[in-house]
N, C-alpha and C. Protein backbone atom coordinates (compact mmCIF):
# COMPACT_ATOMS: atom_id res chain seq x y z
N MET A 1 79.20 281.95 41.28
CA MET A 1 78.51 282.85 42.16
C MET A 1 78.89 282.49 43.59
N ILE A 2 79.33 283.45 44.34
CA ILE A 2 79.65 283.25 45.75
C ILE A 2 78.83 284.24 46.55
N LEU A 3 78.07 283.71 47.49
CA LEU A 3 77.26 284.54 48.36
C LEU A 3 77.76 284.39 49.79
N PRO A 4 77.57 285.40 50.63
CA PRO A 4 78.02 285.29 52.02
C PRO A 4 77.07 284.46 52.88
N PHE A 5 76.04 283.87 52.27
CA PHE A 5 75.06 283.07 53.01
C PHE A 5 74.53 281.98 52.10
N LEU A 6 73.96 280.95 52.70
CA LEU A 6 73.33 279.90 51.91
C LEU A 6 71.97 279.64 52.51
N ASN A 7 70.97 280.15 51.84
CA ASN A 7 69.59 279.96 52.25
C ASN A 7 68.71 279.93 51.01
N SER A 8 67.40 279.84 51.18
CA SER A 8 66.53 279.73 50.01
C SER A 8 66.59 280.98 49.14
N GLN A 9 66.84 282.13 49.73
CA GLN A 9 66.98 283.35 48.93
C GLN A 9 68.21 283.24 48.00
N GLY A 10 69.30 282.72 48.52
CA GLY A 10 70.49 282.51 47.69
C GLY A 10 70.25 281.50 46.59
N VAL A 11 69.50 280.44 46.90
CA VAL A 11 69.16 279.43 45.89
C VAL A 11 68.31 280.07 44.80
N GLU A 12 67.37 280.93 45.18
CA GLU A 12 66.53 281.62 44.19
C GLU A 12 67.38 282.49 43.26
N ILE A 13 68.38 283.15 43.79
CA ILE A 13 69.27 283.97 42.97
C ILE A 13 69.99 283.08 41.96
N LEU A 14 70.49 281.94 42.42
CA LEU A 14 71.17 281.00 41.53
C LEU A 14 70.21 280.49 40.45
N LEU A 15 69.01 280.07 40.85
CA LEU A 15 68.03 279.56 39.89
C LEU A 15 67.68 280.60 38.84
N GLU A 16 67.55 281.84 39.26
CA GLU A 16 67.23 282.91 38.31
C GLU A 16 68.37 283.11 37.31
N GLN A 17 69.61 283.05 37.79
CA GLN A 17 70.76 283.19 36.89
C GLN A 17 70.81 282.04 35.89
N VAL A 18 70.56 280.82 36.36
CA VAL A 18 70.54 279.67 35.46
C VAL A 18 69.42 279.85 34.45
N SER A 19 68.25 280.23 34.91
CA SER A 19 67.09 280.43 34.04
C SER A 19 67.39 281.44 32.94
N GLN A 20 67.98 282.55 33.30
CA GLN A 20 68.27 283.61 32.32
C GLN A 20 69.35 283.20 31.33
N SER A 21 70.19 282.24 31.71
CA SER A 21 71.26 281.82 30.80
C SER A 21 70.78 280.81 29.75
N LEU A 22 69.57 280.29 29.92
CA LEU A 22 69.04 279.30 28.98
C LEU A 22 68.41 279.97 27.77
N SER A 23 68.50 279.31 26.64
CA SER A 23 67.80 279.83 25.45
C SER A 23 66.30 279.69 25.67
N ALA A 24 65.53 280.40 24.88
CA ALA A 24 64.07 280.42 25.05
C ALA A 24 63.44 279.04 24.96
N SER A 25 64.02 278.16 24.18
CA SER A 25 63.44 276.82 23.99
C SER A 25 64.05 275.76 24.92
N SER A 26 64.95 276.18 25.79
CA SER A 26 65.64 275.22 26.66
C SER A 26 64.97 275.09 28.02
N HIS A 27 65.24 273.96 28.64
CA HIS A 27 64.73 273.67 29.98
C HIS A 27 65.88 273.01 30.74
N ALA A 28 66.05 273.33 32.00
CA ALA A 28 67.14 272.76 32.79
C ALA A 28 66.60 271.83 33.86
N LEU A 29 67.32 270.76 34.08
CA LEU A 29 67.03 269.83 35.17
C LEU A 29 68.21 269.92 36.13
N LEU A 30 67.94 270.33 37.36
CA LEU A 30 68.99 270.44 38.37
C LEU A 30 68.79 269.34 39.40
N ILE A 31 69.84 268.62 39.71
CA ILE A 31 69.79 267.56 40.70
C ILE A 31 70.37 268.11 41.99
N LEU A 32 69.58 268.07 43.05
CA LEU A 32 69.96 268.68 44.32
C LEU A 32 69.81 267.70 45.47
N ASP A 33 70.56 267.96 46.54
CA ASP A 33 70.31 267.19 47.75
C ASP A 33 69.08 267.79 48.45
N ARG A 34 68.75 267.29 49.58
CA ARG A 34 67.53 267.74 50.26
C ARG A 34 67.81 268.75 51.37
N ALA A 35 68.81 269.57 51.18
CA ALA A 35 69.08 270.63 52.15
C ALA A 35 67.84 271.50 52.27
N SER A 36 67.58 272.00 53.46
CA SER A 36 66.35 272.76 53.69
C SER A 36 66.21 273.95 52.76
N TYR A 37 67.31 274.58 52.39
CA TYR A 37 67.23 275.73 51.49
C TYR A 37 66.91 275.32 50.06
N HIS A 38 67.07 274.03 49.71
CA HIS A 38 66.67 273.53 48.39
C HIS A 38 65.20 273.14 48.36
N THR A 39 64.66 272.75 49.50
CA THR A 39 63.31 272.18 49.55
C THR A 39 62.28 273.10 50.18
N SER A 40 62.66 274.32 50.49
CA SER A 40 61.74 275.26 51.13
C SER A 40 60.45 275.42 50.32
N LYS A 41 59.33 275.40 51.01
CA LYS A 41 58.03 275.56 50.34
C LYS A 41 57.89 276.95 49.72
N THR A 42 58.67 277.90 50.18
CA THR A 42 58.60 279.26 49.65
C THR A 42 59.56 279.49 48.48
N LEU A 43 60.36 278.48 48.15
CA LEU A 43 61.34 278.61 47.07
C LEU A 43 60.64 278.83 45.73
N LYS A 44 61.02 279.90 45.04
CA LYS A 44 60.43 280.21 43.73
C LYS A 44 61.35 279.64 42.65
N VAL A 45 60.81 278.69 41.88
CA VAL A 45 61.58 278.03 40.82
C VAL A 45 61.07 278.53 39.47
N PRO A 46 61.95 279.09 38.64
CA PRO A 46 61.52 279.55 37.31
C PRO A 46 60.88 278.42 36.51
N SER A 47 59.99 278.78 35.61
CA SER A 47 59.23 277.78 34.85
C SER A 47 60.09 276.94 33.90
N ASN A 48 61.28 277.42 33.56
CA ASN A 48 62.14 276.65 32.65
C ASN A 48 63.18 275.80 33.40
N ILE A 49 62.95 275.62 34.70
CA ILE A 49 63.84 274.79 35.51
C ILE A 49 63.00 273.78 36.28
N HIS A 50 63.48 272.54 36.30
CA HIS A 50 62.85 271.49 37.09
C HIS A 50 63.88 270.99 38.10
N LEU A 51 63.45 270.81 39.34
CA LEU A 51 64.35 270.33 40.38
C LEU A 51 64.08 268.85 40.64
N LEU A 52 65.14 268.06 40.67
CA LEU A 52 65.06 266.64 40.99
C LEU A 52 65.89 266.43 42.25
N PHE A 53 65.27 265.87 43.28
CA PHE A 53 65.95 265.73 44.56
C PHE A 53 66.49 264.32 44.75
N LEU A 54 67.70 264.25 45.26
CA LEU A 54 68.31 262.97 45.59
C LEU A 54 67.57 262.36 46.78
N PRO A 55 67.61 261.04 46.90
CA PRO A 55 67.00 260.42 48.09
C PRO A 55 67.73 260.90 49.35
N PRO A 56 67.04 260.92 50.48
CA PRO A 56 67.70 261.34 51.73
C PRO A 56 68.88 260.43 52.07
N TYR A 57 69.89 261.01 52.68
CA TYR A 57 71.06 260.29 53.16
C TYR A 57 71.70 259.42 52.08
N SER A 58 72.00 260.04 50.95
CA SER A 58 72.60 259.29 49.84
C SER A 58 73.80 260.03 49.26
N PRO A 59 74.84 260.28 50.08
CA PRO A 59 76.01 261.00 49.55
C PRO A 59 76.70 260.27 48.42
N GLU A 60 76.51 258.94 48.33
CA GLU A 60 77.13 258.19 47.24
C GLU A 60 76.56 258.58 45.88
N LEU A 61 75.37 259.19 45.87
CA LEU A 61 74.77 259.66 44.62
C LEU A 61 75.17 261.10 44.31
N ASN A 62 75.93 261.70 45.19
CA ASN A 62 76.33 263.10 45.04
C ASN A 62 77.86 263.19 45.18
N PRO A 63 78.60 262.71 44.17
CA PRO A 63 80.06 262.62 44.30
C PRO A 63 80.78 263.94 44.51
N VAL A 64 80.13 265.06 44.22
CA VAL A 64 80.79 266.34 44.45
C VAL A 64 81.04 266.56 45.95
N GLU A 65 80.34 265.83 46.81
CA GLU A 65 80.59 265.94 48.25
C GLU A 65 82.05 265.62 48.57
N ASN A 66 82.64 264.67 47.84
CA ASN A 66 84.06 264.35 48.05
C ASN A 66 84.95 265.54 47.71
N LEU A 67 84.59 266.28 46.69
CA LEU A 67 85.35 267.47 46.31
C LEU A 67 85.25 268.53 47.40
N TRP A 68 84.03 268.75 47.93
CA TRP A 68 83.86 269.74 49.00
C TRP A 68 84.71 269.35 50.21
N HIS A 69 84.70 268.07 50.56
CA HIS A 69 85.49 267.61 51.70
C HIS A 69 86.98 267.87 51.46
N TYR A 70 87.46 267.56 50.27
CA TYR A 70 88.86 267.79 49.93
C TYR A 70 89.22 269.27 50.04
N LEU A 71 88.39 270.13 49.47
CA LEU A 71 88.66 271.57 49.52
C LEU A 71 88.68 272.07 50.96
N ARG A 72 87.71 271.63 51.75
CA ARG A 72 87.67 272.07 53.16
C ARG A 72 88.93 271.61 53.90
N SER A 73 89.30 270.35 53.74
CA SER A 73 90.42 269.83 54.52
C SER A 73 91.78 270.30 54.02
N HIS A 74 91.93 270.58 52.74
CA HIS A 74 93.24 270.96 52.20
C HIS A 74 93.43 272.47 51.99
N PHE A 75 92.36 273.21 51.91
CA PHE A 75 92.50 274.64 51.60
C PHE A 75 91.80 275.57 52.60
N TRP A 76 90.65 275.17 53.11
CA TRP A 76 89.82 276.14 53.82
C TRP A 76 89.85 276.02 55.34
N SER A 77 90.20 274.86 55.87
CA SER A 77 90.15 274.65 57.32
C SER A 77 91.41 275.17 58.00
N ASN A 78 91.24 275.50 59.28
CA ASN A 78 92.35 275.90 60.15
C ASN A 78 93.16 277.06 59.59
N ARG A 79 92.46 278.01 59.03
CA ARG A 79 93.09 279.21 58.51
C ARG A 79 92.34 280.43 59.03
N ILE A 80 93.04 281.51 59.11
CA ILE A 80 92.41 282.76 59.53
C ILE A 80 92.39 283.70 58.33
N TYR A 81 91.23 284.21 58.03
CA TYR A 81 91.07 285.14 56.91
C TYR A 81 90.80 286.53 57.47
N ARG A 82 91.33 287.52 56.82
CA ARG A 82 91.18 288.90 57.30
C ARG A 82 89.79 289.45 57.06
N GLY A 83 89.04 288.79 56.23
CA GLY A 83 87.69 289.26 55.94
C GLY A 83 87.05 288.41 54.86
N TYR A 84 85.84 288.77 54.53
CA TYR A 84 85.07 288.01 53.54
C TYR A 84 85.76 288.00 52.18
N LYS A 85 86.30 289.13 51.77
CA LYS A 85 86.94 289.22 50.45
C LYS A 85 88.13 288.27 50.35
N GLU A 86 88.92 288.17 51.41
CA GLU A 86 90.06 287.26 51.40
C GLU A 86 89.59 285.80 51.35
N LEU A 87 88.55 285.48 52.09
CA LEU A 87 87.97 284.14 52.05
C LEU A 87 87.44 283.82 50.66
N GLU A 88 86.75 284.77 50.07
CA GLU A 88 86.21 284.59 48.71
C GLU A 88 87.35 284.35 47.71
N LYS A 89 88.40 285.13 47.82
CA LYS A 89 89.55 285.00 46.92
C LYS A 89 90.18 283.61 47.05
N MET A 90 90.35 283.13 48.28
CA MET A 90 90.92 281.80 48.52
C MET A 90 90.00 280.71 47.99
N ALA A 91 88.70 280.86 48.18
CA ALA A 91 87.74 279.85 47.69
C ALA A 91 87.82 279.73 46.17
N ILE A 92 87.86 280.85 45.50
CA ILE A 92 87.92 280.85 44.02
C ILE A 92 89.25 280.26 43.55
N ALA A 93 90.34 280.67 44.16
CA ALA A 93 91.67 280.19 43.75
C ALA A 93 91.80 278.68 43.96
N SER A 94 91.34 278.19 45.10
CA SER A 94 91.47 276.75 45.38
C SER A 94 90.55 275.94 44.47
N TRP A 95 89.35 276.44 44.21
CA TRP A 95 88.43 275.76 43.29
C TRP A 95 89.07 275.63 41.91
N ARG A 96 89.62 276.73 41.42
CA ARG A 96 90.26 276.71 40.09
C ARG A 96 91.45 275.76 40.06
N LYS A 97 92.27 275.80 41.10
CA LYS A 97 93.46 274.94 41.15
C LYS A 97 93.06 273.47 41.08
N VAL A 98 92.12 273.06 41.91
CA VAL A 98 91.73 271.65 41.95
C VAL A 98 91.02 271.23 40.67
N CYS A 99 90.19 272.09 40.12
CA CYS A 99 89.46 271.75 38.90
C CYS A 99 90.38 271.56 37.70
N LEU A 100 91.56 272.17 37.74
CA LEU A 100 92.52 272.01 36.64
C LEU A 100 93.37 270.75 36.80
N GLU A 101 93.27 270.09 37.94
CA GLU A 101 94.02 268.86 38.18
C GLU A 101 93.13 267.68 37.78
N GLU A 102 93.21 267.30 36.51
CA GLU A 102 92.29 266.29 35.97
C GLU A 102 92.32 264.98 36.74
N LYS A 103 93.50 264.48 37.07
CA LYS A 103 93.59 263.20 37.79
C LYS A 103 92.95 263.30 39.17
N ARG A 104 93.20 264.40 39.85
CA ARG A 104 92.62 264.56 41.18
C ARG A 104 91.10 264.64 41.10
N MET A 105 90.60 265.39 40.13
CA MET A 105 89.14 265.50 39.97
C MET A 105 88.52 264.13 39.70
N LYS A 106 89.17 263.36 38.85
CA LYS A 106 88.65 262.02 38.55
C LYS A 106 88.65 261.15 39.79
N SER A 107 89.72 261.23 40.58
CA SER A 107 89.79 260.38 41.77
C SER A 107 88.79 260.84 42.84
N LEU A 108 88.57 262.14 42.95
CA LEU A 108 87.63 262.64 43.95
C LEU A 108 86.18 262.38 43.58
N CYS A 109 85.87 262.51 42.32
CA CYS A 109 84.47 262.46 41.90
C CYS A 109 84.09 261.19 41.15
N ALA A 110 85.03 260.25 41.04
CA ALA A 110 84.75 259.02 40.29
C ALA A 110 83.74 258.16 41.04
N VAL A 111 82.78 257.66 40.31
CA VAL A 111 81.80 256.71 40.85
C VAL A 111 81.61 255.61 39.82
N SER A 112 81.31 254.44 40.28
CA SER A 112 81.23 253.29 39.37
C SER A 112 80.03 253.34 38.44
N TYR A 113 79.01 254.12 38.80
CA TYR A 113 77.78 254.12 38.00
C TYR A 113 77.78 255.16 36.89
N VAL A 114 78.85 255.93 36.73
CA VAL A 114 78.90 256.93 35.66
C VAL A 114 79.82 256.45 34.56
């Protein structure tokens, strides 16, 4: 899911999609950082989803941050896009490319505690 914004409304859309994808007897636990759009008091969380928040200022517990940094520095920064659709297309293509590189993914997201 790619949205042109990231706020609590966008998080609610994501949570609803996750909720609807679960079987009737399933429950999901999502681990999130403490971004304001994740912790908003107005955020509506479906009953079959539980949110677990990482401690503040703990990027070492969120190894996907290394992947975001890599994508920004190698694919998304210092480029001019003709519009949102072109940016979206590049984001999807670069995500797919990096995710298929098993060694790179392991090196970017490897942590000693997993």
